[in-house]
Amino acid sequence: DVIVAESLPQTWWPGGLVRLAYVLVVLVTFPLQLFPVSDLVSRGRQGWWSALPRLALVGVLALLAFAFRHRLDHVVSLL
């Protein structure tokens, strides 16, 4: 289990609500976390060529998240 969620109660209130907030925070901050890296990777490219490295980066991270879906805290720590 994720360390943040281990001590929470297993009921919907407040444990489920905190877990839902954790998922939303990770989803909303994902583009902000990747912005500096994607800016460096796509520097100097124009048009569609600038999107290809970003798509590859997101694809690799999505594959990692799927492969380690039971330990997503490790995937989040990579970011």
PDB file of N, CA and C in Angstrom:
ATOM      1  N   ASP A   1       0.827  -1.196   0.000  1.00  0.00           N
ATOM      2  CA  ASP A   1       0.000   0.000   0.000  1.00  0.00           C
ATOM      3  C   ASP A   1       0.864   1.251   0.000  1.00  0.00           C
ATOM      4  N   VAL A   2       0.273   2.326  -0.435  1.00  0.00           N
ATOM      5  CA  VAL A   2       0.948   3.615  -0.412  1.00  0.00           C
ATOM      6  C   VAL A   2       1.032   4.079   1.029  1.00  0.00           C
ATOM      7  N   ILE A   3       2.184   4.585   1.430  1.00  0.00           N
ATOM      8  CA  ILE A   3       2.410   4.976   2.818  1.00  0.00           C
ATOM      9  C   ILE A   3       1.413   6.034   3.263  1.00  0.00           C
ATOM     10  N   VAL A   4       1.061   6.949   2.375  1.00  0.00           N
ATOM     11  CA  VAL A   4       0.130   8.016   2.723  1.00  0.00           C
ATOM     12  C   VAL A   4      -1.224   7.440   3.115  1.00  0.00           C
ATOM     13  N   ALA A   5      -1.644   6.395   2.456  1.00  0.00           N
ATOM     14  CA  ALA A   5      -2.983   5.855   2.659  1.00  0.00           C
ATOM     15  C   ALA A   5      -3.040   4.699   3.658  1.00  0.00           C
ATOM     16  N   GLU A   6      -1.930   4.262   4.202  1.00  0.00           N
ATOM     17  CA  GLU A   6      -1.944   3.108   5.094  1.00  0.00           C
ATOM     18  C   GLU A   6      -2.673   3.363   6.399  1.00  0.00           C
ATOM     19  N   SER A   7      -2.534   4.554   6.965  1.00  0.00           N
ATOM     20  CA  SER A   7      -3.121   4.823   8.266  1.00  0.00           C
ATOM     21  C   SER A   7      -4.547   5.357   8.180  1.00  0.00           C
ATOM     22  N   LEU A   8      -5.080   5.497   6.973  1.00  0.00           N
ATOM     23  CA  LEU A   8      -6.439   6.002   6.810  1.00  0.00           C
ATOM     24  C   LEU A   8      -7.448   4.887   7.033  1.00  0.00           C
ATOM     25  N   PRO A   9      -8.627   5.235   7.522  1.00  0.00           N
ATOM     26  CA  PRO A   9      -9.667   4.210   7.663  1.00  0.00           C
ATOM     27  C   PRO A   9     -10.106   3.664   6.310  1.00  0.00           C
ATOM     28  N   GLN A  10     -10.626   2.455   6.284  1.00  0.00           N
ATOM     29  CA  GLN A  10     -11.022   1.814   5.037  1.00  0.00           C
ATOM     30  C   GLN A  10     -12.414   2.236   4.578  1.00  0.00           C
ATOM     31  N   THR A  11     -13.079   3.073   5.340  1.00  0.00           N
ATOM     32  CA  THR A  11     -14.413   3.533   4.966  1.00  0.00           C
ATOM     33  C   THR A  11     -14.318   4.654   3.944  1.00  0.00           C
ATOM     34  N   TRP A  12     -15.475   4.959   3.324  1.00  0.00           N
ATOM     35  CA  TRP A  12     -15.500   6.020   2.311  1.00  0.00           C
ATOM     36  C   TRP A  12     -15.163   7.371   2.930  1.00  0.00           C
ATOM     37  N   TRP A  13     -15.690   7.607   4.125  1.00  0.00           N
ATOM     38  CA  TRP A  13     -15.421   8.890   4.769  1.00  0.00           C
ATOM     39  C   TRP A  13     -14.536   8.645   5.962  1.00  0.00           C
ATOM     40  N   PRO A  14     -13.409   9.198   6.116  1.00  0.00           N
ATOM     41  CA  PRO A  14     -12.676  10.116   5.254  1.00  0.00           C
ATOM     42  C   PRO A  14     -11.632   9.429   4.389  1.00  0.00           C
ATOM     43  N   GLY A  15     -11.407   8.125   4.599  1.00  0.00           N
ATOM     44  CA  GLY A  15     -10.341   7.422   3.882  1.00  0.00           C
ATOM     45  C   GLY A  15     -10.488   7.450   2.377  1.00  0.00           C
ATOM     46  N   GLY A  16     -11.662   7.123   1.868  1.00  0.00           N
ATOM     47  CA  GLY A  16     -11.887   7.119   0.422  1.00  0.00           C
ATOM     48  C   GLY A  16     -11.781   8.500  -0.178  1.00  0.00           C
ATOM     49  N   LEU A  17     -12.244   9.495   0.556  1.00  0.00           N
ATOM     50  CA  LEU A  17     -12.178  10.864   0.063  1.00  0.00           C
ATOM     51  C   LEU A  17     -10.726  11.347  -0.035  1.00  0.00           C
ATOM     52  N   VAL A  18      -9.907  10.987   0.929  1.00  0.00           N
ATOM     53  CA  VAL A  18      -8.487  11.365   0.886  1.00  0.00           C
ATOM     54  C   VAL A  18      -7.777  10.644  -0.256  1.00  0.00           C
ATOM     55  N   ARG A  19      -8.107   9.378  -0.482  1.00  0.00           N
ATOM     56  CA  ARG A  19      -7.510   8.645  -1.606  1.00  0.00           C
ATOM     57  C   ARG A  19      -7.918   9.259  -2.941  1.00  0.00           C
ATOM     58  N   LEU A  20      -9.181   9.644  -3.057  1.00  0.00           N
ATOM     59  CA  LEU A  20      -9.653  10.301  -4.278  1.00  0.00           C
ATOM     60  C   LEU A  20      -8.936  11.638  -4.489  1.00  0.00           C
ATOM     61  N   ALA A  21      -8.751  12.393  -3.429  1.00  0.00           N
ATOM     62  CA  ALA A  21      -8.023  13.664  -3.540  1.00  0.00           C
ATOM     63  C   ALA A  21      -6.574  13.422  -3.964  1.00  0.00           C
ATOM     64  N   TYR A  22      -5.946  12.357  -3.456  1.00  0.00           N
ATOM     65  CA  TYR A  22      -4.576  12.025  -3.823  1.00  0.00           C
ATOM     66  C   TYR A  22      -4.471  11.719  -5.319  1.00  0.00           C
ATOM     67  N   VAL A  23      -5.426  10.945  -5.837  1.00  0.00           N
ATOM     68  CA  VAL A  23      -5.434  10.617  -7.267  1.00  0.00           C
ATOM     69  C   VAL A  23      -5.619  11.882  -8.103  1.00  0.00           C
ATOM     70  N   LEU A  24      -6.534  12.742  -7.700  1.00  0.00           N
ATOM     71  CA  LEU A  24      -6.778  13.983  -8.446  1.00  0.00           C
ATOM     72  C   LEU A  24      -5.560  14.899  -8.441  1.00  0.00           C
ATOM     73  N   VAL A  25      -4.890  14.983  -7.310  1.00  0.00           N
ATOM     74  CA  VAL A  25      -3.684  15.824  -7.231  1.00  0.00           C
ATOM     75  C   VAL A  25      -2.604  15.295  -8.164  1.00  0.00           C
ATOM     76  N   VAL A  26      -2.404  13.996  -8.196  1.00  0.00           N
ATOM     77  CA  VAL A  26      -1.390  13.418  -9.085  1.00  0.00           C
ATOM     78  C   VAL A  26      -1.750  13.671 -10.545  1.00  0.00           C
ATOM     79  N   LEU A  27      -3.020  13.496 -10.903  1.00  0.00           N
ATOM     80  CA  LEU A  27      -3.438  13.715 -12.294  1.00  0.00           C
ATOM     81  C   LEU A  27      -3.318  15.174 -12.712  1.00  0.00           C
ATOM     82  N   VAL A  28      -3.654  16.080 -11.830  1.00  0.00           N
ATOM     83  CA  VAL A  28      -3.624  17.505 -12.179  1.00  0.00           C
ATOM     84  C   VAL A  28      -2.197  18.039 -12.231  1.00  0.00           C
ATOM     85  N   THR A  29      -1.325  17.548 -11.368  1.00  0.00           N
ATOM     86  CA  THR A  29       0.045  18.071 -11.347  1.00  0.00           C
ATOM     87  C   THR A  29       0.976  17.360 -12.323  1.00  0.00           C
ATOM     88  N   PHE A  30       0.526  16.282 -12.956  1.00  0.00           N
ATOM     89  CA  PHE A  30       1.376  15.549 -13.900  1.00  0.00           C
ATOM     90  C   PHE A  30       1.895  16.439 -15.030  1.00  0.00           C
ATOM     91  N   PRO A  31       1.044  17.236 -15.711  1.00  0.00           N
ATOM     92  CA  PRO A  31       1.578  18.106 -16.761  1.00  0.00           C
ATOM     93  C   PRO A  31       2.559  19.146 -16.224  1.00  0.00           C
ATOM     94  N   LEU A  32       2.323  19.648 -15.022  1.00  0.00           N
ATOM     95  CA  LEU A  32       3.243  20.629 -14.439  1.00  0.00           C
ATOM     96  C   LEU A  32       4.592  20.008 -14.107  1.00  0.00           C
ATOM     97  N   GLN A  33       4.585  18.752 -13.691  1.00  0.00           N
ATOM     98  CA  GLN A  33       5.837  18.077 -13.376  1.00  0.00           C
ATOM     99  C   GLN A  33       6.647  17.786 -14.632  1.00  0.00           C
ATOM    100  N   LEU A  34       5.956  17.510 -15.739  1.00  0.00           N
ATOM    101  CA  LEU A  34       6.649  17.167 -16.974  1.00  0.00           C
ATOM    102  C   LEU A  34       7.030  18.376 -17.819  1.00  0.00           C
ATOM    103  N   PHE A  35       6.522  19.552 -17.496  1.00  0.00           N
ATOM    104  CA  PHE A  35       6.767  20.708 -18.344  1.00  0.00           C
ATOM    105  C   PHE A  35       8.252  21.037 -18.514  1.00  0.00           C
ATOM    106  N   PRO A  36       9.053  21.119 -17.445  1.00  0.00           N
ATOM    107  CA  PRO A  36      10.480  21.441 -17.665  1.00  0.00           C
ATOM    108  C   PRO A  36      11.202  20.420 -18.537  1.00  0.00           C
ATOM    109  N   VAL A  37      10.904  19.141 -18.332  1.00  0.00           N
ATOM    110  CA  VAL A  37      11.563  18.092 -19.114  1.00  0.00           C
ATOM    111  C   VAL A  37      11.126  18.151 -20.570  1.00  0.00           C
ATOM    112  N   SER A  38       9.829  18.293 -20.796  1.00  0.00           N
ATOM    113  CA  SER A  38       9.346  18.338 -22.179  1.00  0.00           C
ATOM    114  C   SER A  38       9.816  19.593 -22.891  1.00  0.00           C
ATOM    115  N   ASP A  39       9.998  20.674 -22.158  1.00  0.00           N
ATOM    116  CA  ASP A  39      10.530  21.894 -22.762  1.00  0.00           C
ATOM    117  C   ASP A  39      11.977  21.685 -23.208  1.00  0.00           C
ATOM    118  N   LEU A  40      12.768  21.011 -22.391  1.00  0.00           N
ATOM    119  CA  LEU A  40      14.155  20.735 -22.768  1.00  0.00           C
ATOM    120  C   LEU A  40      14.247  19.760 -23.930  1.00  0.00           C
ATOM    121  N   VAL A  41      13.400  18.755 -23.927  1.00  0.00           N
ATOM    122  CA  VAL A  41      13.451  17.723 -24.963  1.00  0.00           C
ATOM    123  C   VAL A  41      13.030  18.280 -26.319  1.00  0.00           C
ATOM    124  N   SER A  42      12.027  19.150 -26.326  1.00  0.00           N
ATOM    125  CA  SER A  42      11.505  19.646 -27.601  1.00  0.00           C
ATOM    126  C   SER A  42      12.121  20.970 -28.029  1.00  0.00           C
ATOM    127  N   ARG A  43      13.139  21.426 -27.363  1.00  0.00           N
ATOM    128  CA  ARG A  43      13.774  22.704 -27.703  1.00  0.00           C
ATOM    129  C   ARG A  43      14.406  22.627 -29.094  1.00  0.00           C
ATOM    130  N   GLY A  44      14.142  23.634 -29.905  1.00  0.00           N
ATOM    131  CA  GLY A  44      14.729  23.721 -31.228  1.00  0.00           C
ATOM    132  C   GLY A  44      13.937  23.027 -32.314  1.00  0.00           C
ATOM    133  N   ARG A  45      12.841  22.399 -31.976  1.00  0.00           N
ATOM    134  CA  ARG A  45      12.019  21.726 -32.977  1.00  0.00           C
ATOM    135  C   ARG A  45      10.778  22.560 -33.257  1.00  0.00           C
ATOM    136  N   GLN A  46      10.250  22.418 -34.459  1.00  0.00           N
ATOM    137  CA  GLN A  46       9.070  23.172 -34.867  1.00  0.00           C
ATOM    138  C   GLN A  46       7.946  22.211 -35.237  1.00  0.00           C
ATOM    139  N   GLY A  47       6.714  22.644 -35.033  1.00  0.00           N
ATOM    140  CA  GLY A  47       5.548  21.896 -35.489  1.00  0.00           C
ATOM    141  C   GLY A  47       5.387  20.559 -34.808  1.00  0.00           C
ATOM    142  N   TRP A  48       5.039  19.537 -35.621  1.00  0.00           N
ATOM    143  CA  TRP A  48       4.797  18.198 -35.090  1.00  0.00           C
ATOM    144  C   TRP A  48       6.048  17.554 -34.519  1.00  0.00           C
ATOM    145  N   TRP A  49       7.207  17.971 -34.998  1.00  0.00           N
ATOM    146  CA  TRP A  49       8.446  17.369 -34.494  1.00  0.00           C
ATOM    147  C   TRP A  49       8.659  17.685 -33.019  1.00  0.00           C
ATOM    148  N   SER A  50       8.107  18.794 -32.552  1.00  0.00           N
ATOM    149  CA  SER A  50       8.265  19.119 -31.132  1.00  0.00           C
ATOM    150  C   SER A  50       7.350  18.248 -30.263  1.00  0.00           C
ATOM    151  N   ALA A  51       6.275  17.720 -30.835  1.00  0.00           N
ATOM    152  CA  ALA A  51       5.341  16.898 -30.061  1.00  0.00           C
ATOM    153  C   ALA A  51       5.805  15.450 -29.933  1.00  0.00           C
ATOM    154  N   LEU A  52       6.601  14.968 -30.850  1.00  0.00           N
ATOM    155  CA  LEU A  52       7.017  13.556 -30.818  1.00  0.00           C
ATOM    156  C   LEU A  52       7.800  13.182 -29.558  1.00  0.00           C
ATOM    157  N   PRO A  53       8.808  13.960 -29.144  1.00  0.00           N
ATOM    158  CA  PRO A  53       9.504  13.580 -27.902  1.00  0.00           C
ATOM    159  C   PRO A  53       8.593  13.631 -26.680  1.00  0.00           C
ATOM    160  N   ARG A  54       7.655  14.579 -26.662  1.00  0.00           N
ATOM    161  CA  ARG A  54       6.718  14.641 -25.540  1.00  0.00           C
ATOM    162  C   ARG A  54       5.817  13.419 -25.511  1.00  0.00           C
ATOM    163  N   LEU A  55       5.329  13.011 -26.677  1.00  0.00           N
ATOM    164  CA  LEU A  55       4.486  11.820 -26.743  1.00  0.00           C
ATOM    165  C   LEU A  55       5.258  10.576 -26.308  1.00  0.00           C
ATOM    166  N   ALA A  56       6.510  10.486 -26.716  1.00  0.00           N
ATOM    167  CA  ALA A  56       7.334   9.348 -26.313  1.00  0.00           C
ATOM    168  C   ALA A  56       7.542   9.339 -24.801  1.00  0.00           C
ATOM    169  N   LEU A  57       7.790  10.510 -24.215  1.00  0.00           N
ATOM    170  CA  LEU A  57       7.998  10.611 -22.773  1.00  0.00           C
ATOM    171  C   LEU A  57       6.743  10.214 -22.010  1.00  0.00           C
ATOM    172  N   VAL A  58       5.602  10.700 -22.434  1.00  0.00           N
ATOM    173  CA  VAL A  58       4.345  10.338 -21.785  1.00  0.00           C
ATOM    174  C   VAL A  58       4.045   8.856 -21.981  1.00  0.00           C
ATOM    175  N   GLY A  59       4.339   8.312 -23.162  1.00  0.00           N
ATOM    176  CA  GLY A  59       4.121   6.896 -23.416  1.00  0.00           C
ATOM    177  C   GLY A  59       4.967   6.008 -22.522  1.00  0.00           C
ATOM    178  N   VAL A  60       6.236   6.358 -22.360  1.00  0.00           N
ATOM    179  CA  VAL A  60       7.122   5.575 -21.495  1.00  0.00           C
ATOM    180  C   VAL A  60       6.637   5.634 -20.055  1.00  0.00           C
ATOM    181  N   LEU A  61       6.252   6.818 -19.595  1.00  0.00           N
ATOM    182  CA  LEU A  61       5.762   6.935 -18.222  1.00  0.00           C
ATOM    183  C   LEU A  61       4.435   6.202 -18.030  1.00  0.00           C
ATOM    184  N   ALA A  62       3.592   6.190 -19.054  1.00  0.00           N
ATOM    185  CA  ALA A  62       2.334   5.446 -18.962  1.00  0.00           C
ATOM    186  C   ALA A  62       2.603   3.949 -18.878  1.00  0.00           C
ATOM    187  N   LEU A  63       3.565   3.458 -19.654  1.00  0.00           N
ATOM    188  CA  LEU A  63       3.932   2.038 -19.578  1.00  0.00           C
ATOM    189  C   LEU A  63       4.512   1.679 -18.215  1.00  0.00           C
ATOM    190  N   LEU A  64       5.337   2.560 -17.669  1.00  0.00           N
ATOM    191  CA  LEU A  64       5.876   2.331 -16.326  1.00  0.00           C
ATOM    192  C   LEU A  64       4.761   2.307 -15.287  1.00  0.00           C
ATOM    193  N   ALA A  65       3.823   3.244 -15.413  1.00  0.00           N
ATOM    194  CA  ALA A  65       2.707   3.289 -14.463  1.00  0.00           C
ATOM    195  C   ALA A  65       1.861   2.024 -14.557  1.00  0.00           C
ATOM    196  N   PHE A  66       1.663   1.521 -15.771  1.00  0.00           N
ATOM    197  CA  PHE A  66       0.885   0.291 -15.924  1.00  0.00           C
ATOM    198  C   PHE A  66       1.651  -0.913 -15.373  1.00  0.00           C
ATOM    199  N   ALA A  67       2.938  -0.954 -15.637  1.00  0.00           N
ATOM    200  CA  ALA A  67       3.737  -2.089 -15.167  1.00  0.00           C
ATOM    201  C   ALA A  67       3.833  -2.116 -13.640  1.00  0.00           C
ATOM    202  N   PHE A  68       3.895  -0.944 -13.026  1.00  0.00           N
ATOM    203  CA  PHE A  68       4.016  -0.853 -11.568  1.00  0.00           C
ATOM    204  C   PHE A  68       2.739  -0.309 -10.947  1.00  0.00           C
ATOM    205  N   ARG A  69       1.593  -0.714 -11.470  1.00  0.00           N
ATOM    206  CA  ARG A  69       0.319  -0.156 -11.016  1.00  0.00           C
ATOM    207  C   ARG A  69       0.010  -0.484  -9.561  1.00  0.00           C
ATOM    208  N   HIS A  70       0.639  -1.498  -9.027  1.00  0.00           N
ATOM    209  CA  HIS A  70       0.408  -1.837  -7.627  1.00  0.00           C
ATOM    210  C   HIS A  70       1.363  -1.076  -6.711  1.00  0.00           C
ATOM    211  N   ARG A  71       2.330  -0.409  -7.290  1.00  0.00           N
ATOM    212  CA  ARG A  71       3.293   0.399  -6.514  1.00  0.00           C
ATOM    213  C   ARG A  71       3.438   1.768  -7.167  1.00  0.00           C
ATOM    214  N   LEU A  72       2.335   2.480  -7.327  1.00  0.00           N
ATOM    215  CA  LEU A  72       2.366   3.772  -8.009  1.00  0.00           C
ATOM    216  C   LEU A  72       3.144   4.832  -7.241  1.00  0.00           C
ATOM    217  N   ASP A  73       3.374   4.641  -5.963  1.00  0.00           N
ATOM    218  CA  ASP A  73       4.167   5.608  -5.223  1.00  0.00           C
ATOM    219  C   ASP A  73       5.598   5.663  -5.764  1.00  0.00           C
ATOM    220  N   HIS A  74       6.113   4.546  -6.268  1.00  0.00           N
ATOM    221  CA  HIS A  74       7.444   4.550  -6.874  1.00  0.00           C
ATOM    222  C   HIS A  74       7.436   5.290  -8.203  1.00  0.00           C
ATOM    223  N   VAL A  75       6.382   5.139  -8.975  1.00  0.00           N
ATOM    224  CA  VAL A  75       6.280   5.843 -10.263  1.00  0.00           C
ATOM    225  C   VAL A  75       6.177   7.346 -10.025  1.00  0.00           C
ATOM    226  N   VAL A  76       5.388   7.745  -9.044  1.00  0.00           N
ATOM    227  CA  VAL A  76       5.255   9.167  -8.722  1.00  0.00           C
ATOM    228  C   VAL A  76       6.591   9.731  -8.250  1.00  0.00           C
ATOM    229  N   SER A  77       7.368   8.945  -7.518  1.00  0.00           N
ATOM    230  CA  SER A  77       8.655   9.444  -7.045  1.00  0.00           C
ATOM    231  C   SER A  77       9.656   9.615  -8.184  1.00  0.00           C
ATOM    232  N   LEU A  78       9.462   8.922  -9.315  1.00  0.00           N
ATOM    233  CA  LEU A  78      10.330   9.124 -10.474  1.00  0.00           C
ATOM    234  C   LEU A  78      10.141  10.515 -11.067  1.00  0.00           C
ATOM    235  N   LEU A  79       8.938  11.031 -10.957  1.00  0.00           N
ATOM    236  CA  LEU A  79       8.652  12.336 -11.527  1.00  0.00           C
ATOM    237  C   LEU A  79       9.243  13.409 -10.681  1.00  0.00           C
TER     238      LEU A  79
END
